[in-house]
Amino acid sequence: MPEDAEACFDLYLAHTEPLSGEIQDDKIAVEYLRKAHDLGQPDATFVLGSLIYKGAKGFDEDRSEGVRLMKLGKAQGANPM
């Protein structure tokens, strides 16, 4: 697993985008997303929060934690679409 936040987030995206050429695997994608978040990547923090908020991709739904992470990601400079 890379130790670069941007690389981890890019790999998360690659494993969730059908046209990327990578195997679509939520388990692998979430591992990269968590690593990117742990390394301080703002977009990863925001996306992680949104997944937790919705209870998606194997996360338990936790709206308060999801909102906390989305706000943190935004404060760190995330640019949600």
C-alpha atoms as a PDB file:
ATOM      1  CA  MET A   1       0.000   0.000   0.000  1.00  0.00           C
ATOM      2  CA  PRO A   2       1.412   3.395  -0.942  1.00  0.00           C
ATOM      3  CA  GLU A   3       2.310   5.865   1.796  1.00  0.00           C
ATOM      4  CA  ASP A   4       1.189   8.798  -0.349  1.00  0.00           C
ATOM      5  CA  ALA A   5      -2.281  10.212   0.387  1.00  0.00           C
ATOM      6  CA  GLU A   6      -2.968  11.273  -3.204  1.00  0.00           C
ATOM      7  CA  ALA A   7      -1.894   7.914  -4.609  1.00  0.00           C
ATOM      8  CA  CYS A   8      -4.148   6.087  -2.148  1.00  0.00           C
ATOM      9  CA  PHE A   9      -7.116   8.289  -3.031  1.00  0.00           C
ATOM     10  CA  ASP A  10      -6.446   7.787  -6.752  1.00  0.00           C
ATOM     11  CA  LEU A  11      -6.394   4.027  -6.185  1.00  0.00           C
ATOM     12  CA  TYR A  12      -9.678   4.258  -4.271  1.00  0.00           C
ATOM     13  CA  LEU A  13     -11.200   6.042  -7.265  1.00  0.00           C
ATOM     14  CA  ALA A  14      -9.717   3.511  -9.691  1.00  0.00           C
ATOM     15  CA  HIS A  15     -11.326   0.619  -7.811  1.00  0.00           C
ATOM     16  CA  THR A  16     -14.747   2.318  -7.874  1.00  0.00           C
ATOM     17  CA  GLU A  17     -14.761   3.600 -11.471  1.00  0.00           C
ATOM     18  CA  PRO A  18     -15.902   0.956 -13.986  1.00  0.00           C
ATOM     19  CA  LEU A  19     -13.908   2.481 -16.860  1.00  0.00           C
ATOM     20  CA  SER A  20     -10.603   2.658 -14.962  1.00  0.00           C
ATOM     21  CA  GLY A  21      -9.391  -0.757 -16.018  1.00  0.00           C
ATOM     22  CA  GLU A  22      -8.961  -1.800 -12.378  1.00  0.00           C
ATOM     23  CA  ILE A  23     -10.947  -4.578 -10.723  1.00  0.00           C
ATOM     24  CA  GLN A  24     -14.045  -3.116  -9.084  1.00  0.00           C
ATOM     25  CA  ASP A  25     -13.717  -4.225  -5.480  1.00  0.00           C
ATOM     26  CA  ASP A  26     -15.315  -2.298  -2.628  1.00  0.00           C
ATOM     27  CA  LYS A  27     -13.136  -3.968   0.002  1.00  0.00           C
ATOM     28  CA  ILE A  28      -9.907  -2.926  -1.731  1.00  0.00           C
ATOM     29  CA  ALA A  29     -11.326   0.518  -2.529  1.00  0.00           C
ATOM     30  CA  VAL A  30     -12.270   1.144   1.114  1.00  0.00           C
ATOM     31  CA  GLU A  31      -8.791   0.092   2.285  1.00  0.00           C
ATOM     32  CA  TYR A  32      -7.269   2.731  -0.004  1.00  0.00           C
ATOM     33  CA  LEU A  33      -9.849   5.299   1.089  1.00  0.00           C
ATOM     34  CA  ARG A  34      -9.122   4.712   4.790  1.00  0.00           C
ATOM     35  CA  LYS A  35      -5.371   4.953   4.162  1.00  0.00           C
ATOM     36  CA  ALA A  36      -5.803   8.199   2.220  1.00  0.00           C
ATOM     37  CA  HIS A  37      -7.921   9.574   5.076  1.00  0.00           C
ATOM     38  CA  ASP A  38      -5.337   8.463   7.651  1.00  0.00           C
ATOM     39  CA  LEU A  39      -2.660  10.266   5.627  1.00  0.00           C
ATOM     40  CA  GLY A  40      -4.719  13.461   5.627  1.00  0.00           C
ATOM     41  CA  GLN A  41      -6.202  13.579   2.120  1.00  0.00           C
ATOM     42  CA  PRO A  42      -9.205  15.982   2.425  1.00  0.00           C
ATOM     43  CA  ASP A  43     -11.330  14.489  -0.365  1.00  0.00           C
ATOM     44  CA  ALA A  44     -10.857  11.029   1.127  1.00  0.00           C
ATOM     45  CA  THR A  45     -12.022  12.308   4.501  1.00  0.00           C
ATOM     46  CA  PHE A  46     -15.108  13.860   2.915  1.00  0.00           C
ATOM     47  CA  VAL A  47     -15.936  10.722   0.898  1.00  0.00           C
ATOM     48  CA  LEU A  48     -15.384   8.498   3.939  1.00  0.00           C
ATOM     49  CA  GLY A  49     -17.797  10.700   5.870  1.00  0.00           C
ATOM     50  CA  SER A  50     -20.414  10.457   3.143  1.00  0.00           C
ATOM     51  CA  LEU A  51     -20.141   6.655   3.056  1.00  0.00           C
ATOM     52  CA  ILE A  52     -20.474   6.423   6.831  1.00  0.00           C
ATOM     53  CA  TYR A  53     -23.388   8.881   6.779  1.00  0.00           C
ATOM     54  CA  LYS A  54     -25.250   6.670   4.262  1.00  0.00           C
ATOM     55  CA  GLY A  55     -24.083   3.326   5.622  1.00  0.00           C
ATOM     56  CA  ALA A  56     -22.651   2.443   2.204  1.00  0.00           C
ATOM     57  CA  LYS A  57     -19.866   0.068   1.083  1.00  0.00           C
ATOM     58  CA  GLY A  58     -19.999  -2.003   4.255  1.00  0.00           C
ATOM     59  CA  PHE A  59     -19.978   0.857   6.774  1.00  0.00           C
ATOM     60  CA  ASP A  60     -22.529   1.015   9.555  1.00  0.00           C
ATOM     61  CA  GLU A  61     -24.738   4.075   9.167  1.00  0.00           C
ATOM     62  CA  ASP A  62     -23.645   6.788  11.572  1.00  0.00           C
ATOM     63  CA  ARG A  63     -24.980  10.174  10.606  1.00  0.00           C
ATOM     64  CA  SER A  64     -23.196  12.162  13.314  1.00  0.00           C
ATOM     65  CA  GLU A  65     -19.791  10.639  12.497  1.00  0.00           C
ATOM     66  CA  GLY A  66     -20.469  11.039   8.793  1.00  0.00           C
ATOM     67  CA  VAL A  67     -21.277  14.735   9.202  1.00  0.00           C
ATOM     68  CA  ARG A  68     -18.208  15.215  11.413  1.00  0.00           C
ATOM     69  CA  LEU A  69     -15.918  13.700   8.780  1.00  0.00           C
ATOM     70  CA  MET A  70     -17.535  15.589   5.903  1.00  0.00           C
ATOM     71  CA  LYS A  71     -17.107  18.877   7.793  1.00  0.00           C
ATOM     72  CA  LEU A  72     -13.502  17.968   8.617  1.00  0.00           C
ATOM     73  CA  GLY A  73     -12.753  17.129   4.986  1.00  0.00           C
ATOM     74  CA  LYS A  74     -14.311  20.382   3.826  1.00  0.00           C
ATOM     75  CA  ALA A  75     -12.346  22.355   6.438  1.00  0.00           C
ATOM     76  CA  GLN A  76      -9.147  20.674   5.181  1.00  0.00           C
ATOM     77  CA  GLY A  77      -9.916  21.757   1.613  1.00  0.00           C
ATOM     78  CA  ALA A  78     -12.035  18.968   0.132  1.00  0.00           C
ATOM     79  CA  ASN A  79     -13.774  19.915  -3.076  1.00  0.00           C
ATOM     80  CA  PRO A  80     -16.914  17.748  -3.174  1.00  0.00           C
ATOM     81  CA  MET A  81     -18.685  17.639  -6.506  1.00  0.00           C
END
